[in-house]
Protein backbone atom coordinates (compact mmCIF):
# COMPACT_ATOMS: atom_id res chain seq x y z
CA MET A 1 -17.58 -12.83 -14.30
CA ALA A 2 -18.41 -10.99 -17.50
CA ALA A 3 -15.07 -9.19 -17.80
CA THR A 4 -12.50 -10.95 -19.95
CA ARG A 5 -8.73 -10.90 -20.24
CA GLY A 6 -9.03 -10.27 -23.96
CA GLY A 7 -10.24 -6.71 -23.52
CA CYS A 8 -13.82 -7.27 -24.79
CA ASP A 9 -16.94 -6.66 -22.73
CA ILE A 10 -15.06 -5.45 -19.64
CA LEU A 11 -17.47 -4.15 -17.02
CA GLY A 12 -16.71 -0.97 -15.12
CA ALA A 13 -15.60 -1.60 -11.54
CA MET A 14 -18.73 0.00 -10.09
CA ASP A 15 -20.86 -2.37 -12.18
CA VAL A 16 -18.86 -5.32 -10.94
CA ALA A 17 -19.26 -4.19 -7.34
CA ALA A 18 -23.01 -3.94 -7.83
CA ARG A 19 -23.48 -7.26 -9.61
CA GLU A 20 -21.03 -9.68 -8.04
CA PRO A 21 -21.54 -10.87 -4.44
CA GLN A 22 -17.81 -11.38 -3.80
CA TRP A 23 -17.40 -7.59 -3.86
CA ARG A 24 -19.41 -7.38 -0.63
CA PHE A 25 -17.49 -8.38 2.49
CA GLU A 26 -19.20 -10.18 5.35
CA ALA A 27 -17.06 -10.75 8.42
CA PRO A 28 -17.49 -13.94 10.46
CA ARG A 29 -19.35 -13.18 13.68
CA LEU A 30 -16.35 -13.77 15.95
CA LEU A 31 -14.24 -11.32 13.92
CA ARG A 32 -16.66 -8.38 13.99
CA ASN A 33 -14.34 -6.27 16.07
CA GLY A 34 -11.67 -4.04 14.56
CA HIS A 35 -8.89 -5.13 16.90
CA VAL A 36 -9.72 -8.83 16.62
CA MET A 37 -9.91 -8.60 12.83
CA THR A 38 -6.58 -6.72 12.64
CA LEU A 39 -4.91 -9.44 14.70
CA ALA A 40 -6.57 -12.14 12.60
CA GLY A 41 -5.12 -10.61 9.45
CA THR A 42 -1.68 -10.73 11.04
CA PHE A 43 -1.73 -14.13 12.70
CA TRP A 44 -4.28 -16.28 10.85
CA PRO A 45 -2.48 -19.49 9.81
CA ARG A 46 -1.88 -19.60 6.09
CA ARG A 47 0.44 -21.21 3.58
CA PHE A 48 2.07 -19.38 0.70
CA PRO A 49 2.88 -21.41 -2.41
CA ARG A 50 6.44 -20.97 -3.56
CA LEU A 51 6.59 -18.27 -6.24
CA PRO A 52 9.30 -18.19 -8.93
CA LEU A 53 11.69 -15.52 -7.69
CA ALA A 54 14.38 -13.91 -9.79
CA ALA A 55 17.39 -12.40 -8.08
CA PRO A 56 16.18 -9.27 -6.25
CA TRP A 57 16.75 -6.08 -8.20
CA LEU A 58 18.44 -3.06 -6.69
CA LEU A 59 17.03 -0.03 -8.49
CA GLU A 60 18.44 3.47 -8.08
CA VAL A 61 15.44 5.77 -7.58
CA GLU A 62 17.50 8.92 -6.96
CA ASP A 63 21.20 9.71 -6.69
CA GLY A 64 22.68 7.57 -3.93
CA THR A 65 19.41 5.81 -3.07
CA ARG A 66 18.45 2.32 -4.17
CA VAL A 67 15.41 0.20 -3.34
CA ARG A 68 15.09 -3.57 -3.45
CA LEU A 69 12.45 -5.14 -5.68
CA ASP A 70 11.43 -8.78 -5.38
CA CYS A 71 10.16 -9.76 -8.81
CA HIS A 72 8.14 -12.68 -10.13
CA TRP A 73 8.01 -12.98 -13.92
CA GLN A 74 5.60 -15.00 -16.02
CA SER A 75 6.99 -17.04 -18.90
CA GLY A 76 5.53 -14.40 -21.22
CA GLY A 77 7.82 -11.79 -19.69
CA ALA A 78 7.15 -8.16 -20.50
CA ALA A 79 4.13 -9.08 -22.61
CA CYS A 80 2.20 -9.86 -19.40
CA PRO A 81 0.72 -7.08 -17.26
CA ALA A 82 2.62 -6.24 -14.06
CA LEU A 83 1.36 -5.46 -10.57
CA VAL A 84 3.59 -3.39 -8.26
CA LEU A 85 2.84 -3.92 -4.55
CA VAL A 86 3.83 -1.45 -1.81
CA HIS A 87 3.70 -2.31 1.89
CA GLY A 88 2.76 -0.30 4.97
CA LEU A 89 4.63 1.53 7.73
CA GLU A 90 7.58 -0.53 8.97
CA GLY A 91 6.58 -3.46 6.77
CA SER A 92 8.47 -5.01 3.86
CA SER A 93 8.05 -7.04 0.70
CA ALA A 94 7.74 -10.06 3.01
CA SER A 95 4.64 -8.73 4.81
CA ARG A 96 1.92 -11.39 4.73
CA TYR A 97 -0.62 -9.27 2.86
CA ILE A 98 2.01 -8.46 0.21
CA VAL A 99 2.99 -12.10 -0.30
CA GLY A 100 -0.67 -13.17 -0.30
CA THR A 101 -1.61 -10.62 -2.94
CA ALA A 102 1.48 -11.48 -4.98
CA GLU A 103 0.53 -15.15 -5.04
CA LYS A 104 -3.01 -14.35 -6.21
CA ALA A 105 -1.77 -11.95 -8.88
CA TRP A 106 0.74 -14.49 -10.14
CA ARG A 107 -1.98 -17.11 -10.52
CA ALA A 108 -4.08 -14.54 -12.39
CA GLY A 109 -1.32 -14.10 -14.98
CA PHE A 110 0.41 -10.96 -13.73
CA ASN A 111 4.09 -10.31 -13.38
CA VAL A 112 4.53 -9.18 -9.76
CA VAL A 113 6.97 -6.65 -8.29
CA ARG A 114 7.08 -6.51 -4.49
CA GLN A 115 8.68 -3.17 -3.70
CA ASN A 116 10.48 -2.47 -0.46
CA VAL A 117 10.03 1.15 0.57
CA ARG A 118 13.49 2.68 0.92
CA ASN A 119 15.19 1.49 4.14
CA CYS A 120 12.74 -1.38 4.59
CA GLY A 121 13.38 -5.09 4.19
CA GLY A 122 16.93 -4.75 5.51
CA THR A 123 17.98 -2.07 3.01
CA GLU A 124 19.05 0.74 5.33
CA HIS A 125 22.54 0.59 3.83
CA LEU A 126 21.21 1.38 0.34
CA THR A 127 20.37 5.01 1.11
CA PRO A 128 21.63 7.75 3.43
CA THR A 129 18.03 9.03 3.81
CA LEU A 130 15.00 7.98 5.85
CA TYR A 131 11.54 7.43 4.32
CA HIS A 132 8.18 9.09 4.81
CA SER A 133 4.51 8.32 4.16
CA GLY A 134 4.21 10.55 1.10
CA LEU A 135 7.28 9.27 -0.75
CA SER A 136 5.48 8.62 -4.03
CA CYS A 137 8.54 9.45 -6.14
CA ASP A 138 10.13 6.05 -5.47
CA ILE A 139 7.07 4.21 -6.78
CA ALA A 140 7.07 6.46 -9.84
CA ALA A 141 10.72 5.55 -10.49
CA VAL A 142 9.93 1.84 -10.24
CA VAL A 143 6.99 2.10 -12.65
CA GLN A 144 8.95 4.18 -15.12
CA HIS A 145 11.76 1.63 -15.01
CA LEU A 146 9.34 -1.20 -15.77
CA LEU A 147 7.81 0.68 -18.68
CA ALA A 148 10.96 2.15 -20.22
CA ASP A 149 13.72 -0.34 -19.42
CA GLU A 150 11.91 -3.65 -18.96
CA ARG A 151 9.48 -2.90 -21.83
CA VAL A 152 6.44 -3.87 -19.77
CA THR A 153 3.42 -2.44 -21.58
CA GLU A 154 0.87 -2.49 -18.73
CA VAL A 155 1.40 -1.73 -15.04
CA HIS A 156 -1.03 -1.71 -12.10
CA ILE A 157 0.00 -0.31 -8.70
CA ALA A 158 -1.42 -1.32 -5.30
CA GLY A 159 -0.49 -0.17 -1.81
CA PHE A 160 -1.49 -1.07 1.72
CA SER A 161 -1.82 1.36 4.65
CA MET A 162 1.12 3.80 4.28
CA GLY A 163 1.82 2.31 0.86
CA GLY A 164 -1.79 3.01 -0.04
CA ASN A 165 -1.33 6.69 0.75
CA GLN A 166 1.80 6.78 -1.40
CA VAL A 167 -0.01 5.08 -4.30
CA LEU A 168 -3.02 7.41 -4.14
CA LYS A 169 -0.75 10.44 -3.88
CA LEU A 170 1.10 9.26 -6.99
CA ALA A 171 -2.20 8.68 -8.82
CA ALA A 172 -3.21 12.26 -8.04
CA GLU A 173 0.18 13.72 -8.96
CA TRP A 174 0.11 11.96 -12.31
CA SER A 175 -3.62 12.65 -12.78
CA ASP A 176 -4.42 12.45 -16.51
CA SER A 177 -0.70 12.67 -17.37
CA ALA A 178 0.15 9.20 -16.07
CA PRO A 179 2.33 7.16 -18.41
CA PRO A 180 0.16 5.43 -21.02
CA GLY A 181 1.13 2.02 -19.68
CA VAL A 182 -0.35 2.67 -16.23
CA ALA A 183 -3.72 0.91 -16.15
CA GLY A 184 -4.91 1.61 -12.61
CA PHE A 185 -4.33 1.88 -8.88
CA ALA A 186 -5.57 0.18 -5.71
CA ALA A 187 -5.23 1.02 -2.02
CA VAL A 188 -6.24 -1.05 1.02
CA CYS A 189 -6.75 0.85 4.28
CA PRO A 190 -4.70 3.82 3.01
CA SER A 191 -3.54 6.35 5.61
CA LEU A 192 -4.74 9.18 3.39
CA ASP A 193 -5.12 11.67 6.26
CA LEU A 194 -1.89 11.31 8.23
CA ALA A 195 -2.82 13.75 10.98
CA ALA A 196 -6.09 11.90 11.64
CA CYS A 197 -4.19 8.60 11.77
CA ALA A 198 -1.70 10.03 14.27
CA ASP A 199 -4.62 11.26 16.38
CA ALA A 200 -6.18 7.80 16.30
CA LEU A 201 -2.91 6.15 17.33
CA ASP A 202 -2.86 8.42 20.37
CA LEU A 203 -6.09 6.86 21.68
CA PRO A 204 -5.56 4.61 24.74
CA SER A 205 -7.27 1.72 22.93
CA ASN A 206 -4.53 1.82 20.30
CA PHE A 207 -1.61 1.64 22.72
CA LEU A 208 -0.25 -1.61 21.26
CA TYR A 209 -0.19 -0.30 17.70
CA GLN A 210 1.44 2.93 18.86
CA TRP A 211 4.07 1.02 20.78
CA ARG A 212 4.78 -1.37 17.92
CA PHE A 213 5.26 1.36 15.27
CA THR A 214 7.27 3.62 17.58
CA PHE A 215 9.53 0.80 18.74
CA SER A 216 10.24 -0.22 15.14
CA LEU A 217 10.89 3.34 13.94
CA LYS A 218 13.30 3.97 16.81
CA ARG A 219 15.13 0.72 16.15
CA ARG A 220 15.49 1.63 12.48
CA LEU A 221 16.89 5.07 13.31
CA ARG A 222 19.50 3.47 15.56
CA ARG A 223 20.57 1.26 12.67
CA LYS A 224 20.80 4.32 10.43
CA ALA A 225 22.93 6.07 13.04
CA ARG A 226 25.37 3.14 13.09
CA LEU A 227 25.58 3.15 9.29
CA PHE A 228 25.76 6.95 8.88
CA PRO A 229 27.04 8.35 12.19
CA GLU A 230 27.91 11.67 10.60
CA ARG A 231 24.28 12.15 9.50
CA TYR A 232 22.15 10.89 12.40
CA ARG A 233 22.10 11.51 16.12
CA THR A 234 19.94 9.58 18.53
CA ASP A 235 19.90 12.20 21.28
CA GLY A 236 16.46 12.23 22.84
CA LEU A 237 15.29 9.15 20.96
CA ALA A 238 14.67 7.20 24.15
CA GLY A 239 12.07 9.75 25.18
CA VAL A 240 10.01 9.40 21.98
CA ARG A 241 6.71 7.72 22.85
CA SER A 242 4.59 8.08 19.72
CA VAL A 243 4.73 8.13 15.93
CA ARG A 244 3.83 11.81 16.01
CA GLN A 245 6.75 12.60 18.32
CA PHE A 246 9.10 10.58 16.09
CA ASP A 247 7.88 12.40 12.99
CA ASP A 248 8.15 15.79 14.68
CA ARG A 249 11.69 15.17 15.88
CA PHE A 250 13.16 13.13 13.01
CA THR A 251 11.05 12.51 9.88
CA ALA A 252 9.76 16.04 9.29
CA PRO A 253 13.08 17.90 9.83
CA HIS A 254 15.01 15.31 7.80
CA PHE A 255 12.86 15.90 4.71
CA GLY A 256 12.53 19.66 5.13
CA PHE A 257 8.91 19.67 6.34
CA GLY A 258 9.89 21.34 9.60
CA THR A 259 7.14 19.98 11.85
CA ALA A 260 5.01 16.86 11.93
CA ALA A 261 1.91 18.96 11.32
CA ASN A 262 3.40 20.40 8.12
CA TYR A 263 4.65 16.98 7.04
CA TYR A 264 1.21 15.42 7.51
CA ALA A 265 -0.47 18.22 5.58
CA GLN A 266 1.91 17.94 2.62
CA ALA A 267 2.29 14.15 2.47
CA SER A 268 -1.37 13.13 2.82
CA ALA A 269 -3.19 12.01 -0.33
CA ARG A 270 -6.65 13.12 0.83
CA PRO A 271 -6.53 16.74 -0.40
CA HIS A 272 -5.62 15.57 -3.91
CA LEU A 273 -8.10 12.76 -4.58
CA ALA A 274 -10.16 14.83 -7.01
CA ARG A 275 -7.22 14.76 -9.46
CA ILE A 276 -7.12 10.98 -9.83
CA ALA A 277 -7.89 10.16 -13.45
CA ARG A 278 -7.25 6.41 -13.84
CA PRO A 279 -9.34 3.50 -12.48
CA THR A 280 -8.70 3.35 -8.74
CA LEU A 281 -9.97 0.99 -6.05
CA ILE A 282 -10.00 2.06 -2.40
CA ILE A 283 -10.93 -0.40 0.36
CA ALA A 284 -11.34 0.79 3.96
CA ALA A 285 -13.07 -0.73 6.98
CA ALA A 286 -15.42 1.25 9.20
CA ASP A 287 -13.88 -0.44 12.26
CA ASP A 288 -10.21 0.12 11.34
CA PRO A 289 -8.63 1.00 14.71
CA PHE A 290 -6.30 3.75 13.44
CA ILE A 291 -7.41 4.72 9.92
CA PRO A 292 -10.58 6.75 10.69
CA ILE A 293 -13.43 5.98 8.34
CA ALA A 294 -14.32 9.69 8.41
CA SER A 295 -11.30 10.25 6.17
CA PHE A 296 -13.16 8.44 3.38
CA ARG A 297 -16.37 10.45 3.68
CA ASP A 298 -15.02 13.08 1.38
CA ALA A 299 -16.88 14.77 -1.43
CA ALA A 300 -13.88 14.29 -3.72
CA LEU A 301 -14.20 10.53 -3.36
CA ALA A 302 -17.91 10.50 -4.09
CA ALA A 303 -17.59 12.87 -7.05
CA ASN A 304 -14.65 11.21 -8.79
CA PRO A 305 -15.97 8.68 -11.35
CA HIS A 306 -12.57 6.99 -11.57
CA ILE A 307 -12.65 5.89 -7.92
CA THR A 308 -14.41 2.79 -6.63
CA LEU A 309 -14.74 3.00 -2.84
CA LEU A 310 -15.62 -0.08 -0.76
CA THR A 311 -16.15 0.54 2.97
CA PRO A 312 -17.39 -2.61 4.73
CA GLY A 313 -18.52 -2.22 8.32
CA HIS A 314 -15.89 -4.71 9.46
CA GLY A 315 -12.40 -5.55 8.31
CA GLY A 316 -10.02 -4.00 10.84
CA HIS A 317 -6.69 -2.72 9.57
CA VAL A 318 -5.65 -4.73 6.50
CA GLY A 319 -7.54 -7.69 7.93
CA PHE A 320 -10.68 -8.58 5.96
CA VAL A 321 -10.52 -12.25 6.94
CA GLY A 322 -13.74 -13.72 5.58
CA ARG A 323 -15.20 -17.18 5.17
CA GLY A 324 -13.67 -17.89 1.78
CA SER A 325 -15.28 -20.01 -0.91
CA ASP A 326 -14.53 -22.75 -3.39
CA SER A 327 -13.14 -20.17 -5.82
CA GLU A 328 -11.01 -18.01 -3.49
CA ASP A 329 -9.43 -18.03 -0.04
CA ARG A 330 -10.64 -16.07 2.97
CA PHE A 331 -8.43 -12.99 2.43
CA TRP A 332 -11.07 -10.83 0.80
CA ALA A 333 -9.17 -7.55 0.22
CA GLU A 334 -6.27 -9.32 -1.47
CA ASN A 335 -8.71 -11.03 -3.83
CA ARG A 336 -10.51 -7.77 -4.59
CA VAL A 337 -7.27 -5.96 -5.49
CA VAL A 338 -6.29 -8.66 -7.97
CA GLU A 339 -9.81 -8.87 -9.39
CA PHE A 340 -9.94 -5.09 -9.87
CA CYS A 341 -6.65 -5.20 -11.76
CA ARG A 342 -7.92 -8.10 -13.86
CA VAL A 343 -11.14 -6.24 -14.70
CA HIS A 344 -9.19 -3.17 -15.77
CA SER A 345 -6.47 -5.02 -17.63
CA ARG A 346 -6.18 -4.09 -21.29
CA ARG A 347 -5.14 -7.65 -22.19
């Protein structure tokens, strides 16, 4: 590839996408179904090389709330660029796509920070609050800590699904006022229109996803109620049957949104995409079962020169299991995120 780590002759991401065949995803014939591809991304056998892991950091992101960061540092320390990775709804820093991307980024020379969204990864005791899909402030606190306290000079930020919405929302909130050390953003299958995603989860064909998310959210709330009985009540929780119902009864009131509809409107990144002013990669599959591709057919996406949008016909939800090659494994989206960061690195 023509781009170099030294900062000379770096192609723009759109040029790379046009010139390099690895930026075009072709799904194997047997995986050209959104549900099958989603399951393949979750259950495809894979091995993760052991990464050097420092003791997990507990970072206070607001008064009384800490998040856990799993960090992998190169021997060059803060002189190396860093990639912050944010997982999806009810995931954690141990989610397969997070670990897979971390391993690739590490091999490419990046320091890697796998962030657990508050309450996730067994950290319910570290905060009296819940979390929501627009909670970009925690990512901002992590990045600012890396830049100011750890003296890292270059940071990239990537999120998946819910984490992708949070990352894009942060990119828009910062706009052209992002800290100078922030080099770019990436989002894979971001839930950038939360109401549309909730509608899609309500479809009968998505029953299993709806059940899985709702079951996990309810289980987490019960743990919070045991830890903070004075703050949480589980009355009526057994009757919650969908993510929308959970958000309407618990998430939205807890954060002052009032209703799920108001929460979705305020926490979605989609209305703010025109404000993004740093290099940003967005990957979404046309056959994603519960992230409607219509959400990405937005004039703000097409008009924003800072955004590179890749929308393969197949890929499922955070699946993108391809054929692989001699130079990279079969997990295409993970490779593209790391390559985008490498292309836009200032090193």
